[in-house]
Amino acid sequence: MSRYQCPECGYEYDEAAGDPHQGYPAGTRWEALPDSFTCPDCAVRYKEDFKPVEE
């Protein structure tokens, strides 16, 4: 599973953990998030702005 990071504030979306507070259970793939997804911490960046985190 992959992780994606907001370039503005550093929030990371981890597919393995999901984001239950935002309604995305563990195992929710990045591709399954809506195109309208915004960073839940800063709300400045959109899904297209997130960068994959290198393992």
PDB file of N, CA and C in Angstrom:
ATOM      1  N   MET A   1       0.852  -1.179   0.000  1.00  0.00           N
ATOM      2  CA  MET A   1       0.000   0.000   0.000  1.00  0.00           C
ATOM      3  C   MET A   1       0.897   1.241   0.000  1.00  0.00           C
ATOM      4  N   SER A   2       0.371   2.321  -0.526  1.00  0.00           N
ATOM      5  CA  SER A   2       1.163   3.528  -0.721  1.00  0.00           C
ATOM      6  C   SER A   2       0.728   4.645   0.219  1.00  0.00           C
ATOM      7  N   ARG A   3       1.580   5.669   0.268  1.00  0.00           N
ATOM      8  CA  ARG A   3       1.276   6.876   1.036  1.00  0.00           C
ATOM      9  C   ARG A   3       1.448   8.080   0.125  1.00  0.00           C
ATOM     10  N   TYR A   4       0.652   9.111   0.392  1.00  0.00           N
ATOM     11  CA  TYR A   4       0.687  10.340  -0.406  1.00  0.00           C
ATOM     12  C   TYR A   4       0.735  11.521   0.548  1.00  0.00           C
ATOM     13  N   GLN A   5       1.561  12.519   0.213  1.00  0.00           N
ATOM     14  CA  GLN A   5       1.785  13.644   1.116  1.00  0.00           C
ATOM     15  C   GLN A   5       1.355  14.972   0.508  1.00  0.00           C
ATOM     16  N   CYS A   6       0.731  15.783   1.352  1.00  0.00           N
ATOM     17  CA  CYS A   6       0.365  17.143   0.962  1.00  0.00           C
ATOM     18  C   CYS A   6       1.632  17.995   0.962  1.00  0.00           C
ATOM     19  N   PRO A   7       1.932  18.672  -0.140  1.00  0.00           N
ATOM     20  CA  PRO A   7       3.139  19.494  -0.195  1.00  0.00           C
ATOM     21  C   PRO A   7       3.027  20.790   0.615  1.00  0.00           C
ATOM     22  N   GLU A   8       1.825  21.140   1.012  1.00  0.00           N
ATOM     23  CA  GLU A   8       1.624  22.385   1.766  1.00  0.00           C
ATOM     24  C   GLU A   8       1.929  22.199   3.253  1.00  0.00           C
ATOM     25  N   CYS A   9       1.320  21.174   3.874  1.00  0.00           N
ATOM     26  CA  CYS A   9       1.422  21.042   5.333  1.00  0.00           C
ATOM     27  C   CYS A   9       2.084  19.745   5.790  1.00  0.00           C
ATOM     28  N   GLY A  10       2.280  18.797   4.879  1.00  0.00           N
ATOM     29  CA  GLY A  10       2.941  17.547   5.243  1.00  0.00           C
ATOM     30  C   GLY A  10       2.001  16.423   5.663  1.00  0.00           C
ATOM     31  N   TYR A  11       0.687  16.661   5.657  1.00  0.00           N
ATOM     32  CA  TYR A  11      -0.268  15.586   5.965  1.00  0.00           C
ATOM     33  C   TYR A  11      -0.013  14.414   5.026  1.00  0.00           C
ATOM     34  N   GLU A  12      -0.061  13.191   5.572  1.00  0.00           N
ATOM     35  CA  GLU A  12       0.121  12.006   4.748  1.00  0.00           C
ATOM     36  C   GLU A  12      -1.136  11.156   4.772  1.00  0.00           C
ATOM     37  N   TYR A  13      -1.584  10.767   3.591  1.00  0.00           N
ATOM     38  CA  TYR A  13      -2.658   9.788   3.475  1.00  0.00           C
ATOM     39  C   TYR A  13      -1.999   8.437   3.272  1.00  0.00           C
ATOM     40  N   ASP A  14      -2.230   7.524   4.198  1.00  0.00           N
ATOM     41  CA  ASP A  14      -1.676   6.176   4.144  1.00  0.00           C
ATOM     42  C   ASP A  14      -2.808   5.222   3.779  1.00  0.00           C
ATOM     43  N   GLU A  15      -2.683   4.567   2.635  1.00  0.00           N
ATOM     44  CA  GLU A  15      -3.741   3.665   2.185  1.00  0.00           C
ATOM     45  C   GLU A  15      -4.015   2.562   3.206  1.00  0.00           C
ATOM     46  N   ALA A  16      -2.987   2.067   3.861  1.00  0.00           N
ATOM     47  CA  ALA A  16      -3.165   0.988   4.835  1.00  0.00           C
ATOM     48  C   ALA A  16      -4.002   1.438   6.028  1.00  0.00           C
ATOM     49  N   ALA A  17      -3.812   2.688   6.452  1.00  0.00           N
ATOM     50  CA  ALA A  17      -4.538   3.214   7.622  1.00  0.00           C
ATOM     51  C   ALA A  17      -5.843   3.894   7.230  1.00  0.00           C
ATOM     52  N   GLY A  18      -5.914   4.394   5.988  1.00  0.00           N
ATOM     53  CA  GLY A  18      -7.081   5.176   5.574  1.00  0.00           C
ATOM     54  C   GLY A  18      -7.149   6.468   6.382  1.00  0.00           C
ATOM     55  N   ASP A  19      -8.316   7.018   6.489  1.00  0.00           N
ATOM     56  CA  ASP A  19      -8.548   8.204   7.329  1.00  0.00           C
ATOM     57  C   ASP A  19      -9.990   8.110   7.831  1.00  0.00           C
ATOM     58  N   PRO A  20     -10.202   7.257   8.858  1.00  0.00           N
ATOM     59  CA  PRO A  20     -11.558   7.018   9.349  1.00  0.00           C
ATOM     60  C   PRO A  20     -12.301   8.297   9.749  1.00  0.00           C
ATOM     61  N   HIS A  21     -11.571   9.279  10.254  1.00  0.00           N
ATOM     62  CA  HIS A  21     -12.201  10.542  10.651  1.00  0.00           C
ATOM     63  C   HIS A  21     -12.848  11.229   9.451  1.00  0.00           C
ATOM     64  N   GLN A  22     -12.271  11.045   8.269  1.00  0.00           N
ATOM     65  CA  GLN A  22     -12.804  11.638   7.036  1.00  0.00           C
ATOM     66  C   GLN A  22     -13.754  10.693   6.302  1.00  0.00           C
ATOM     67  N   GLY A  23     -13.927   9.479   6.855  1.00  0.00           N
ATOM     68  CA  GLY A  23     -14.852   8.525   6.241  1.00  0.00           C
ATOM     69  C   GLY A  23     -14.205   7.526   5.300  1.00  0.00           C
ATOM     70  N   TYR A  24     -12.880   7.409   5.347  1.00  0.00           N
ATOM     71  CA  TYR A  24     -12.165   6.473   4.484  1.00  0.00           C
ATOM     72  C   TYR A  24     -11.548   5.379   5.347  1.00  0.00           C
ATOM     73  N   PRO A  25     -12.133   4.173   5.355  1.00  0.00           N
ATOM     74  CA  PRO A  25     -11.622   3.098   6.210  1.00  0.00           C
ATOM     75  C   PRO A  25     -10.241   2.614   5.765  1.00  0.00           C
ATOM     76  N   ALA A  26      -9.572   1.915   6.666  1.00  0.00           N
ATOM     77  CA  ALA A  26      -8.266   1.323   6.366  1.00  0.00           C
ATOM     78  C   ALA A  26      -8.376   0.496   5.097  1.00  0.00           C
ATOM     79  N   GLY A  27      -7.373   0.601   4.260  1.00  0.00           N
ATOM     80  CA  GLY A  27      -7.348  -0.141   3.007  1.00  0.00           C
ATOM     81  C   GLY A  27      -7.941   0.613   1.823  1.00  0.00           C
ATOM     82  N   THR A  28      -8.435   1.832   2.050  1.00  0.00           N
ATOM     83  CA  THR A  28      -8.995   2.616   0.945  1.00  0.00           C
ATOM     84  C   THR A  28      -7.857   3.120   0.068  1.00  0.00           C
ATOM     85  N   ARG A  29      -7.864   2.695  -1.173  1.00  0.00           N
ATOM     86  CA  ARG A  29      -6.824   3.082  -2.128  1.00  0.00           C
ATOM     87  C   ARG A  29      -6.945   4.552  -2.511  1.00  0.00           C
ATOM     88  N   TRP A  30      -5.824   5.141  -2.842  1.00  0.00           N
ATOM     89  CA  TRP A  30      -5.773   6.545  -3.274  1.00  0.00           C
ATOM     90  C   TRP A  30      -6.699   6.774  -4.456  1.00  0.00           C
ATOM     91  N   GLU A  31      -6.698   5.837  -5.376  1.00  0.00           N
ATOM     92  CA  GLU A  31      -7.517   5.956  -6.583  1.00  0.00           C
ATOM     93  C   GLU A  31      -9.019   5.975  -6.253  1.00  0.00           C
ATOM     94  N   ALA A  32      -9.399   5.411  -5.107  1.00  0.00           N
ATOM     95  CA  ALA A  32     -10.807   5.348  -4.708  1.00  0.00           C
ATOM     96  C   ALA A  32     -11.293   6.647  -4.070  1.00  0.00           C
ATOM     97  N   LEU A  33     -10.363   7.525  -3.683  1.00  0.00           N
ATOM     98  CA  LEU A  33     -10.770   8.807  -3.108  1.00  0.00           C
ATOM     99  C   LEU A  33     -11.375   9.668  -4.214  1.00  0.00           C
ATOM    100  N   PRO A  34     -12.363  10.473  -3.880  1.00  0.00           N
ATOM    101  CA  PRO A  34     -12.986  11.307  -4.925  1.00  0.00           C
ATOM    102  C   PRO A  34     -12.002  12.344  -5.462  1.00  0.00           C
ATOM    103  N   ASP A  35     -12.186  12.747  -6.692  1.00  0.00           N
ATOM    104  CA  ASP A  35     -11.322  13.763  -7.300  1.00  0.00           C
ATOM    105  C   ASP A  35     -11.414  15.087  -6.549  1.00  0.00           C
ATOM    106  N   SER A  36     -12.495  15.282  -5.821  1.00  0.00           N
ATOM    107  CA  SER A  36     -12.687  16.518  -5.063  1.00  0.00           C
ATOM    108  C   SER A  36     -12.008  16.486  -3.688  1.00  0.00           C
ATOM    109  N   PHE A  37     -11.293  15.399  -3.381  1.00  0.00           N
ATOM    110  CA  PHE A  37     -10.596  15.260  -2.100  1.00  0.00           C
ATOM    111  C   PHE A  37      -9.636  16.430  -1.895  1.00  0.00           C
ATOM    112  N   THR A  38      -9.703  17.046  -0.718  1.00  0.00           N
ATOM    113  CA  THR A  38      -8.745  18.087  -0.336  1.00  0.00           C
ATOM    114  C   THR A  38      -8.058  17.665   0.945  1.00  0.00           C
ATOM    115  N   CYS A  39      -6.922  18.257   1.208  1.00  0.00           N
ATOM    116  CA  CYS A  39      -6.178  17.945   2.424  1.00  0.00           C
ATOM    117  C   CYS A  39      -7.056  18.246   3.646  1.00  0.00           C
ATOM    118  N   PRO A  40      -7.263  17.262   4.527  1.00  0.00           N
ATOM    119  CA  PRO A  40      -8.108  17.500   5.697  1.00  0.00           C
ATOM    120  C   PRO A  40      -7.452  18.387   6.751  1.00  0.00           C
ATOM    121  N   ASP A  41      -6.133  18.572   6.675  1.00  0.00           N
ATOM    122  CA  ASP A  41      -5.453  19.421   7.660  1.00  0.00           C
ATOM    123  C   ASP A  41      -5.400  20.887   7.249  1.00  0.00           C
ATOM    124  N   CYS A  42      -5.090  21.146   5.986  1.00  0.00           N
ATOM    125  CA  CYS A  42      -4.932  22.544   5.578  1.00  0.00           C
ATOM    126  C   CYS A  42      -5.980  23.007   4.565  1.00  0.00           C
ATOM    127  N   ALA A  43      -6.657  22.064   3.897  1.00  0.00           N
ATOM    128  CA  ALA A  43      -7.690  22.358   2.894  1.00  0.00           C
ATOM    129  C   ALA A  43      -7.201  23.257   1.760  1.00  0.00           C
ATOM    130  N   VAL A  44      -5.881  23.339   1.613  1.00  0.00           N
ATOM    131  CA  VAL A  44      -5.291  24.187   0.582  1.00  0.00           C
ATOM    132  C   VAL A  44      -5.026  23.380  -0.686  1.00  0.00           C
ATOM    133  N   ARG A  45      -4.646  22.128  -0.514  1.00  0.00           N
ATOM    134  CA  ARG A  45      -4.226  21.311  -1.655  1.00  0.00           C
ATOM    135  C   ARG A  45      -5.286  20.291  -2.023  1.00  0.00           C
ATOM    136  N   TYR A  46      -5.358  20.040  -3.321  1.00  0.00           N
ATOM    137  CA  TYR A  46      -6.289  19.058  -3.864  1.00  0.00           C
ATOM    138  C   TYR A  46      -5.566  17.744  -4.131  1.00  0.00           C
ATOM    139  N   LYS A  47      -6.333  16.705  -4.366  1.00  0.00           N
ATOM    140  CA  LYS A  47      -5.786  15.365  -4.591  1.00  0.00           C
ATOM    141  C   LYS A  47      -4.674  15.380  -5.630  1.00  0.00           C
ATOM    142  N   GLU A  48      -4.862  16.119  -6.708  1.00  0.00           N
ATOM    143  CA  GLU A  48      -3.869  16.153  -7.791  1.00  0.00           C
ATOM    144  C   GLU A  48      -2.530  16.749  -7.358  1.00  0.00           C
ATOM    145  N   ASP A  49      -2.529  17.507  -6.237  1.00  0.00           N
ATOM    146  CA  ASP A  49      -1.302  18.136  -5.762  1.00  0.00           C
ATOM    147  C   ASP A  49      -0.464  17.215  -4.877  1.00  0.00           C
ATOM    148  N   PHE A  50      -1.074  16.168  -4.329  1.00  0.00           N
ATOM    149  CA  PHE A  50      -0.365  15.270  -3.420  1.00  0.00           C
ATOM    150  C   PHE A  50       0.730  14.523  -4.177  1.00  0.00           C
ATOM    151  N   LYS A  51       1.798  14.220  -3.468  1.00  0.00           N
ATOM    152  CA  LYS A  51       2.931  13.517  -4.053  1.00  0.00           C
ATOM    153  C   LYS A  51       3.092  12.152  -3.375  1.00  0.00           C
ATOM    154  N   PRO A  52       3.423  11.115  -4.158  1.00  0.00           N
ATOM    155  CA  PRO A  52       3.687   9.803  -3.544  1.00  0.00           C
ATOM    156  C   PRO A  52       4.889   9.900  -2.613  1.00  0.00           C
ATOM    157  N   VAL A  53       4.826   9.195  -1.493  1.00  0.00           N
ATOM    158  CA  VAL A  53       5.940   9.153  -0.552  1.00  0.00           C
ATOM    159  C   VAL A  53       6.800   7.955  -0.929  1.00  0.00           C
ATOM    160  N   GLU A  54       8.068   8.214  -1.137  1.00  0.00           N
ATOM    161  CA  GLU A  54       9.008   7.140  -1.493  1.00  0.00           C
ATOM    162  C   GLU A  54       9.295   6.303  -0.253  1.00  0.00           C
ATOM    163  N   GLU A  55       9.251   5.005  -0.428  1.00  0.00           N
ATOM    164  CA  GLU A  55       9.514   4.078   0.686  1.00  0.00           C
ATOM    165  C   GLU A  55      10.994   3.923   0.902  1.00  0.00           C
TER     166      GLU A  55
END
